[in-house]
Amino acid sequence: MQRALDEARIALEAGEVPVGAIVVCKDRIISRAHNLTETLTDVTAHAEMQAITSAANALGGKYLPDCTLYVTVEPCTMCAGAIGWAQIKRIVYGCDDEKRGYHKYAPHALHPKATVTGGVMEAACKELMQQFFKTLR
């Protein structure tokens, strides 16, 4: 999760919502990403989407069943759908997204065999988000 937080800090410095994601396969980081929605002017350029695409390219296939996704904030419904389609078996996230998180809107979007662990380094992940939104107000 620390590497995902590093990515989130890069997003923060670039004026992006500070979300970072890492995909690990067989104890090796195969992709790392952060939000690029402002940079790319693309609402789908979430950290998870970027990390999934990069991981699929690294492994040469669209399915990631042997992978773990670490992300600093609970995935939204769009990202949860992509995580499900990619068949990622384990998702680890930092803090909940009470407004847009998949638990609220699409609790069954992930692959049925996927396991989810939330609250990992929650305080640090939440602090980054609060810092970002405080500067907008």
N, C-alpha and C. Protein backbone atom coordinates (compact mmCIF):
# COMPACT_ATOMS: atom_id res chain seq x y z
N MET A 1 0.83 -1.20 0.00
CA MET A 1 0.00 0.00 0.00
C MET A 1 0.87 1.26 0.00
N GLN A 2 2.05 1.14 0.57
CA GLN A 2 2.94 2.31 0.58
C GLN A 2 3.26 2.77 -0.84
N ARG A 3 3.46 1.85 -1.76
CA ARG A 3 3.75 2.21 -3.15
C ARG A 3 2.54 2.88 -3.80
N ALA A 4 1.36 2.42 -3.47
CA ALA A 4 0.13 3.06 -3.98
C ALA A 4 0.02 4.48 -3.43
N LEU A 5 0.38 4.66 -2.17
CA LEU A 5 0.38 6.01 -1.57
C LEU A 5 1.39 6.91 -2.27
N ASP A 6 2.54 6.36 -2.63
CA ASP A 6 3.53 7.14 -3.38
C ASP A 6 2.93 7.64 -4.69
N GLU A 7 2.17 6.78 -5.36
CA GLU A 7 1.51 7.18 -6.61
C GLU A 7 0.45 8.25 -6.34
N ALA A 8 -0.28 8.11 -5.25
CA ALA A 8 -1.30 9.09 -4.90
C ALA A 8 -0.67 10.46 -4.66
N ARG A 9 0.49 10.48 -4.05
CA ARG A 9 1.19 11.75 -3.82
C ARG A 9 1.62 12.39 -5.13
N ILE A 10 2.01 11.59 -6.10
CA ILE A 10 2.35 12.11 -7.43
C ILE A 10 1.11 12.76 -8.05
N ALA A 11 -0.04 12.10 -7.89
CA ALA A 11 -1.29 12.67 -8.41
C ALA A 11 -1.59 14.00 -7.73
N LEU A 12 -1.44 14.05 -6.42
CA LEU A 12 -1.70 15.27 -5.66
C LEU A 12 -0.84 16.42 -6.17
N GLU A 13 0.44 16.15 -6.37
CA GLU A 13 1.36 17.18 -6.86
C GLU A 13 0.98 17.68 -8.26
N ALA A 14 0.32 16.82 -9.03
CA ALA A 14 -0.09 17.18 -10.39
C ALA A 14 -1.48 17.80 -10.43
N GLY A 15 -2.10 17.99 -9.27
CA GLY A 15 -3.43 18.58 -9.23
C GLY A 15 -4.55 17.59 -9.52
N GLU A 16 -4.23 16.32 -9.45
CA GLU A 16 -5.22 15.25 -9.65
C GLU A 16 -5.78 14.81 -8.30
N VAL A 17 -6.97 14.21 -8.32
CA VAL A 17 -7.48 13.60 -7.10
C VAL A 17 -6.45 12.54 -6.70
N PRO A 18 -5.97 12.59 -5.45
CA PRO A 18 -4.84 11.74 -5.06
C PRO A 18 -5.21 10.27 -4.80
N VAL A 19 -5.34 9.54 -5.88
CA VAL A 19 -5.57 8.10 -5.79
C VAL A 19 -4.43 7.41 -6.53
N GLY A 20 -3.86 6.42 -5.88
CA GLY A 20 -2.78 5.65 -6.49
C GLY A 20 -3.12 4.18 -6.47
N ALA A 21 -2.59 3.44 -7.44
CA ALA A 21 -2.85 2.01 -7.54
C ALA A 21 -1.60 1.26 -7.98
N ILE A 22 -1.48 0.04 -7.48
CA ILE A 22 -0.38 -0.85 -7.79
C ILE A 22 -0.96 -2.22 -8.09
N VAL A 23 -0.44 -2.90 -9.09
CA VAL A 23 -0.82 -4.29 -9.34
C VAL A 23 0.41 -5.15 -9.08
N VAL A 24 0.22 -6.16 -8.24
CA VAL A 24 1.29 -7.08 -7.88
C VAL A 24 0.95 -8.47 -8.39
N CYS A 25 1.93 -9.12 -9.00
CA CYS A 25 1.76 -10.49 -9.48
C CYS A 25 2.98 -11.29 -9.04
N LYS A 26 2.73 -12.35 -8.31
CA LYS A 26 3.81 -13.23 -7.82
C LYS A 26 4.89 -12.41 -7.09
N ASP A 27 4.43 -11.59 -6.15
CA ASP A 27 5.31 -10.78 -5.29
C ASP A 27 6.14 -9.75 -6.04
N ARG A 28 5.70 -9.36 -7.23
CA ARG A 28 6.42 -8.36 -8.01
C ARG A 28 5.45 -7.28 -8.49
N ILE A 29 5.81 -6.03 -8.34
CA ILE A 29 4.98 -4.95 -8.86
C ILE A 29 5.10 -4.97 -10.38
N ILE A 30 3.95 -5.14 -11.05
CA ILE A 30 3.98 -5.16 -12.52
C ILE A 30 3.39 -3.90 -13.12
N SER A 31 2.66 -3.12 -12.30
CA SER A 31 2.20 -1.82 -12.79
C SER A 31 1.94 -0.90 -11.61
N ARG A 32 2.07 0.37 -11.90
CA ARG A 32 1.80 1.41 -10.91
C ARG A 32 1.17 2.57 -11.66
N ALA A 33 0.22 3.21 -11.02
CA ALA A 33 -0.49 4.29 -11.70
C ALA A 33 -1.14 5.22 -10.68
N HIS A 34 -1.56 6.36 -11.17
CA HIS A 34 -2.31 7.31 -10.35
C HIS A 34 -3.35 7.98 -11.26
N ASN A 35 -4.26 8.68 -10.63
CA ASN A 35 -5.31 9.34 -11.41
C ASN A 35 -4.70 10.28 -12.45
N LEU A 36 -5.28 10.24 -13.64
CA LEU A 36 -4.85 11.12 -14.74
C LEU A 36 -6.05 11.79 -15.41
N THR A 37 -7.16 11.90 -14.71
CA THR A 37 -8.37 12.42 -15.34
C THR A 37 -8.23 13.87 -15.81
N GLU A 38 -7.55 14.67 -15.04
CA GLU A 38 -7.34 16.08 -15.43
C GLU A 38 -6.29 16.17 -16.53
N THR A 39 -5.20 15.46 -16.35
CA THR A 39 -4.10 15.49 -17.31
C THR A 39 -4.54 15.04 -18.70
N LEU A 40 -5.32 13.96 -18.75
CA LEU A 40 -5.76 13.40 -20.03
C LEU A 40 -7.14 13.90 -20.47
N THR A 41 -7.76 14.72 -19.62
CA THR A 41 -9.14 15.18 -19.87
C THR A 41 -10.01 13.98 -20.22
N ASP A 42 -9.97 12.99 -19.33
CA ASP A 42 -10.65 11.71 -19.56
C ASP A 42 -11.22 11.22 -18.24
N VAL A 43 -12.53 11.18 -18.14
CA VAL A 43 -13.17 10.75 -16.88
C VAL A 43 -12.90 9.29 -16.55
N THR A 44 -12.44 8.50 -17.51
CA THR A 44 -12.15 7.09 -17.24
C THR A 44 -10.71 6.85 -16.82
N ALA A 45 -9.90 7.88 -16.72
CA ALA A 45 -8.47 7.72 -16.44
C ALA A 45 -8.19 7.61 -14.94
N HIS A 46 -8.99 6.80 -14.25
CA HIS A 46 -8.77 6.56 -12.82
C HIS A 46 -7.52 5.71 -12.63
N ALA A 47 -6.94 5.79 -11.46
CA ALA A 47 -5.71 5.06 -11.14
C ALA A 47 -5.88 3.56 -11.40
N GLU A 48 -7.02 3.00 -10.98
CA GLU A 48 -7.24 1.56 -11.16
C GLU A 48 -7.28 1.18 -12.63
N MET A 49 -7.94 1.99 -13.44
CA MET A 49 -8.05 1.71 -14.88
C MET A 49 -6.67 1.75 -15.53
N GLN A 50 -5.88 2.75 -15.15
CA GLN A 50 -4.53 2.87 -15.69
C GLN A 50 -3.67 1.68 -15.27
N ALA A 51 -3.79 1.28 -14.01
CA ALA A 51 -2.99 0.16 -13.50
C ALA A 51 -3.40 -1.16 -14.15
N ILE A 52 -4.68 -1.36 -14.36
CA ILE A 52 -5.16 -2.60 -15.00
C ILE A 52 -4.64 -2.69 -16.43
N THR A 53 -4.76 -1.60 -17.17
CA THR A 53 -4.28 -1.59 -18.55
C THR A 53 -2.78 -1.88 -18.62
N SER A 54 -2.03 -1.24 -17.76
CA SER A 54 -0.58 -1.44 -17.73
C SER A 54 -0.23 -2.88 -17.34
N ALA A 55 -0.93 -3.43 -16.36
CA ALA A 55 -0.67 -4.81 -15.93
C ALA A 55 -1.00 -5.80 -17.04
N ALA A 56 -2.12 -5.59 -17.72
CA ALA A 56 -2.51 -6.47 -18.82
C ALA A 56 -1.46 -6.43 -19.92
N ASN A 57 -0.96 -5.25 -20.22
CA ASN A 57 0.10 -5.12 -21.23
C ASN A 57 1.38 -5.83 -20.78
N ALA A 58 1.72 -5.70 -19.50
CA ALA A 58 2.94 -6.32 -18.98
C ALA A 58 2.86 -7.85 -19.04
N LEU A 59 1.65 -8.38 -18.79
CA LEU A 59 1.50 -9.84 -18.78
C LEU A 59 1.07 -10.41 -20.13
N GLY A 60 0.66 -9.54 -21.05
CA GLY A 60 0.27 -10.00 -22.37
C GLY A 60 -1.09 -10.65 -22.45
N GLY A 61 -2.00 -10.26 -21.56
CA GLY A 61 -3.35 -10.81 -21.59
C GLY A 61 -4.30 -9.94 -20.81
N LYS A 62 -5.59 -10.06 -21.10
CA LYS A 62 -6.57 -9.19 -20.46
C LYS A 62 -7.02 -9.64 -19.08
N TYR A 63 -6.75 -10.89 -18.72
CA TYR A 63 -7.16 -11.39 -17.42
C TYR A 63 -5.98 -11.38 -16.46
N LEU A 64 -6.26 -11.03 -15.20
CA LEU A 64 -5.22 -10.89 -14.19
C LEU A 64 -5.56 -11.73 -12.95
N PRO A 65 -5.83 -13.01 -13.12
CA PRO A 65 -6.32 -13.82 -12.00
C PRO A 65 -5.28 -14.09 -10.91
N ASP A 66 -4.02 -13.90 -11.20
CA ASP A 66 -2.97 -14.15 -10.21
C ASP A 66 -2.47 -12.85 -9.58
N CYS A 67 -3.26 -11.79 -9.72
CA CYS A 67 -2.80 -10.47 -9.29
C CYS A 67 -3.57 -9.93 -8.10
N THR A 68 -2.91 -9.01 -7.42
CA THR A 68 -3.52 -8.24 -6.34
C THR A 68 -3.45 -6.77 -6.73
N LEU A 69 -4.57 -6.08 -6.57
CA LEU A 69 -4.63 -4.65 -6.80
C LEU A 69 -4.63 -3.94 -5.46
N TYR A 70 -3.68 -3.03 -5.28
CA TYR A 70 -3.64 -2.17 -4.10
C TYR A 70 -4.05 -0.78 -4.57
N VAL A 71 -5.04 -0.19 -3.92
CA VAL A 71 -5.50 1.14 -4.30
C VAL A 71 -5.81 1.93 -3.04
N THR A 72 -5.50 3.20 -3.06
CA THR A 72 -5.60 4.01 -1.84
C THR A 72 -7.04 4.31 -1.42
N VAL A 73 -7.97 4.28 -2.36
CA VAL A 73 -9.37 4.58 -2.07
C VAL A 73 -10.25 3.49 -2.66
N GLU A 74 -11.33 3.18 -1.98
CA GLU A 74 -12.29 2.18 -2.47
C GLU A 74 -12.65 2.48 -3.92
N PRO A 75 -12.58 1.49 -4.80
CA PRO A 75 -12.89 1.72 -6.21
C PRO A 75 -14.35 2.18 -6.42
N CYS A 76 -14.54 2.97 -7.46
CA CYS A 76 -15.88 3.38 -7.86
C CYS A 76 -16.52 2.23 -8.64
N THR A 77 -17.76 2.42 -9.05
CA THR A 77 -18.46 1.35 -9.77
C THR A 77 -17.80 1.05 -11.11
N MET A 78 -17.32 2.07 -11.81
CA MET A 78 -16.65 1.85 -13.09
C MET A 78 -15.41 0.99 -12.90
N CYS A 79 -14.60 1.36 -11.93
CA CYS A 79 -13.36 0.62 -11.69
C CYS A 79 -13.65 -0.78 -11.17
N ALA A 80 -14.65 -0.91 -10.32
CA ALA A 80 -15.02 -2.24 -9.81
C ALA A 80 -15.44 -3.15 -10.96
N GLY A 81 -16.15 -2.61 -11.92
CA GLY A 81 -16.52 -3.40 -13.10
C GLY A 81 -15.30 -3.86 -13.87
N ALA A 82 -14.36 -2.96 -14.07
CA ALA A 82 -13.12 -3.32 -14.79
C ALA A 82 -12.31 -4.33 -13.99
N ILE A 83 -12.26 -4.17 -12.68
CA ILE A 83 -11.54 -5.12 -11.82
C ILE A 83 -12.19 -6.49 -11.94
N GLY A 84 -13.52 -6.52 -11.97
CA GLY A 84 -14.24 -7.78 -12.13
C GLY A 84 -13.97 -8.43 -13.47
N TRP A 85 -14.05 -7.64 -14.55
CA TRP A 85 -13.79 -8.18 -15.89
C TRP A 85 -12.36 -8.69 -16.02
N ALA A 86 -11.41 -8.03 -15.34
CA ALA A 86 -10.01 -8.45 -15.39
C ALA A 86 -9.76 -9.69 -14.52
N GLN A 87 -10.75 -10.06 -13.72
CA GLN A 87 -10.67 -11.23 -12.85
C GLN A 87 -9.56 -11.14 -11.81
N ILE A 88 -9.32 -9.93 -11.34
CA ILE A 88 -8.32 -9.75 -10.29
C ILE A 88 -8.82 -10.45 -9.03
N LYS A 89 -7.96 -11.29 -8.45
CA LYS A 89 -8.43 -12.15 -7.36
C LYS A 89 -8.41 -11.48 -5.99
N ARG A 90 -7.60 -10.43 -5.84
CA ARG A 90 -7.51 -9.80 -4.53
C ARG A 90 -7.43 -8.29 -4.69
N ILE A 91 -8.25 -7.60 -3.92
CA ILE A 91 -8.28 -6.14 -3.93
C ILE A 91 -8.03 -5.66 -2.51
N VAL A 92 -7.08 -4.76 -2.37
CA VAL A 92 -6.74 -4.19 -1.08
C VAL A 92 -6.85 -2.68 -1.23
N TYR A 93 -7.65 -2.04 -0.39
CA TYR A 93 -7.77 -0.59 -0.50
C TYR A 93 -7.61 0.08 0.85
N GLY A 94 -7.31 1.38 0.78
CA GLY A 94 -7.05 2.16 1.98
C GLY A 94 -8.31 2.64 2.67
N CYS A 95 -8.91 3.69 2.14
CA CYS A 95 -10.08 4.27 2.80
C CYS A 95 -11.34 4.10 1.95
N ASP A 96 -12.47 4.10 2.64
CA ASP A 96 -13.76 4.00 1.96
C ASP A 96 -14.04 5.28 1.18
N ASP A 97 -14.82 5.14 0.12
CA ASP A 97 -15.36 6.28 -0.61
C ASP A 97 -16.87 6.24 -0.39
N GLU A 98 -17.31 6.95 0.61
CA GLU A 98 -18.72 6.88 1.01
C GLU A 98 -19.67 7.48 -0.03
N LYS A 99 -19.17 8.36 -0.88
CA LYS A 99 -20.03 9.00 -1.89
C LYS A 99 -20.11 8.21 -3.19
N ARG A 100 -19.00 7.60 -3.62
CA ARG A 100 -18.96 6.96 -4.94
C ARG A 100 -18.42 5.54 -4.95
N GLY A 101 -18.16 4.98 -3.79
CA GLY A 101 -17.58 3.64 -3.71
C GLY A 101 -18.50 2.55 -4.23
N TYR A 102 -17.91 1.50 -4.73
CA TYR A 102 -18.69 0.42 -5.33
C TYR A 102 -19.57 -0.31 -4.32
N HIS A 103 -19.16 -0.34 -3.04
CA HIS A 103 -19.98 -1.03 -2.03
C HIS A 103 -21.41 -0.51 -2.01
N LYS A 104 -21.55 0.78 -2.20
CA LYS A 104 -22.88 1.42 -2.13
C LYS A 104 -23.70 1.16 -3.38
N TYR A 105 -23.08 1.24 -4.55
CA TYR A 105 -23.82 1.19 -5.80
C TYR A 105 -23.73 -0.13 -6.58
N ALA A 106 -22.64 -0.84 -6.43
CA ALA A 106 -22.46 -2.07 -7.21
C ALA A 106 -21.69 -3.11 -6.39
N PRO A 107 -22.27 -3.58 -5.30
CA PRO A 107 -21.54 -4.48 -4.41
C PRO A 107 -21.17 -5.83 -5.02
N HIS A 108 -21.76 -6.18 -6.15
CA HIS A 108 -21.47 -7.46 -6.78
C HIS A 108 -20.67 -7.32 -8.08
N ALA A 109 -20.03 -6.17 -8.28
CA ALA A 109 -19.32 -5.91 -9.53
C ALA A 109 -18.02 -6.69 -9.66
N LEU A 110 -17.39 -7.01 -8.55
CA LEU A 110 -16.11 -7.73 -8.60
C LEU A 110 -16.34 -9.19 -8.99
N HIS A 111 -15.27 -9.85 -9.39
CA HIS A 111 -15.34 -11.28 -9.72
C HIS A 111 -15.81 -12.04 -8.48
N PRO A 112 -16.67 -13.03 -8.66
CA PRO A 112 -17.21 -13.76 -7.50
C PRO A 112 -16.16 -14.39 -6.59
N LYS A 113 -15.00 -14.72 -7.13
CA LYS A 113 -13.95 -15.35 -6.32
C LYS A 113 -12.98 -14.33 -5.71
N ALA A 114 -13.20 -13.06 -5.98
CA ALA A 114 -12.30 -12.03 -5.47
C ALA A 114 -12.45 -11.86 -3.96
N THR A 115 -11.33 -11.55 -3.32
CA THR A 115 -11.35 -11.20 -1.91
C THR A 115 -11.00 -9.73 -1.77
N VAL A 116 -11.59 -9.08 -0.79
CA VAL A 116 -11.40 -7.65 -0.59
C VAL A 116 -10.97 -7.38 0.84
N THR A 117 -9.95 -6.55 0.98
CA THR A 117 -9.51 -6.09 2.29
C THR A 117 -9.49 -4.57 2.25
N GLY A 118 -10.26 -3.95 3.11
CA GLY A 118 -10.30 -2.49 3.19
C GLY A 118 -9.66 -2.01 4.48
N GLY A 119 -9.37 -0.72 4.53
CA GLY A 119 -8.85 -0.11 5.74
C GLY A 119 -7.35 -0.25 5.94
N VAL A 120 -6.61 -0.61 4.89
CA VAL A 120 -5.16 -0.75 5.00
C VAL A 120 -4.51 0.63 4.85
N MET A 121 -3.79 1.03 5.86
CA MET A 121 -3.19 2.38 5.91
C MET A 121 -4.26 3.44 5.69
N GLU A 122 -5.41 3.19 6.27
CA GLU A 122 -6.59 4.03 6.07
C GLU A 122 -6.35 5.49 6.42
N ALA A 123 -5.74 5.77 7.55
CA ALA A 123 -5.55 7.16 7.98
C ALA A 123 -4.71 7.95 6.97
N ALA A 124 -3.64 7.36 6.49
CA ALA A 124 -2.77 8.05 5.53
C ALA A 124 -3.49 8.28 4.21
N CYS A 125 -4.25 7.30 3.76
CA CYS A 125 -5.00 7.43 2.51
C CYS A 125 -6.08 8.51 2.63
N LYS A 126 -6.78 8.50 3.74
CA LYS A 126 -7.85 9.47 3.98
C LYS A 126 -7.30 10.88 4.10
N GLU A 127 -6.16 11.00 4.77
CA GLU A 127 -5.53 12.31 4.95
C GLU A 127 -5.19 12.97 3.61
N LEU A 128 -4.66 12.19 2.67
CA LEU A 128 -4.35 12.73 1.35
C LEU A 128 -5.60 13.26 0.66
N MET A 129 -6.67 12.49 0.72
CA MET A 129 -7.93 12.92 0.10
C MET A 129 -8.45 14.20 0.75
N GLN A 130 -8.42 14.24 2.07
CA GLN A 130 -8.90 15.43 2.78
C GLN A 130 -8.05 16.64 2.46
N GLN A 131 -6.75 16.44 2.37
CA GLN A 131 -5.83 17.53 2.02
C GLN A 131 -6.17 18.11 0.65
N PHE A 132 -6.42 17.23 -0.32
CA PHE A 132 -6.76 17.65 -1.67
C PHE A 132 -8.06 18.46 -1.69
N PHE A 133 -9.10 17.92 -1.09
CA PHE A 133 -10.39 18.59 -1.15
C PHE A 133 -10.45 19.85 -0.31
N LYS A 134 -9.62 19.93 0.72
CA LYS A 134 -9.54 21.15 1.53
C LYS A 134 -9.01 22.32 0.68
N THR A 135 -8.07 22.03 -0.22
CA THR A 135 -7.51 23.09 -1.06
C THR A 135 -8.51 23.58 -2.10
N LEU A 136 -9.51 22.75 -2.44
CA LEU A 136 -10.53 23.16 -3.41
C LEU A 136 -11.59 24.09 -2.81
N ARG A 137 -11.74 24.02 -1.52
CA ARG A 137 -12.82 24.79 -0.87
C ARG A 137 -12.41 26.16 -0.49
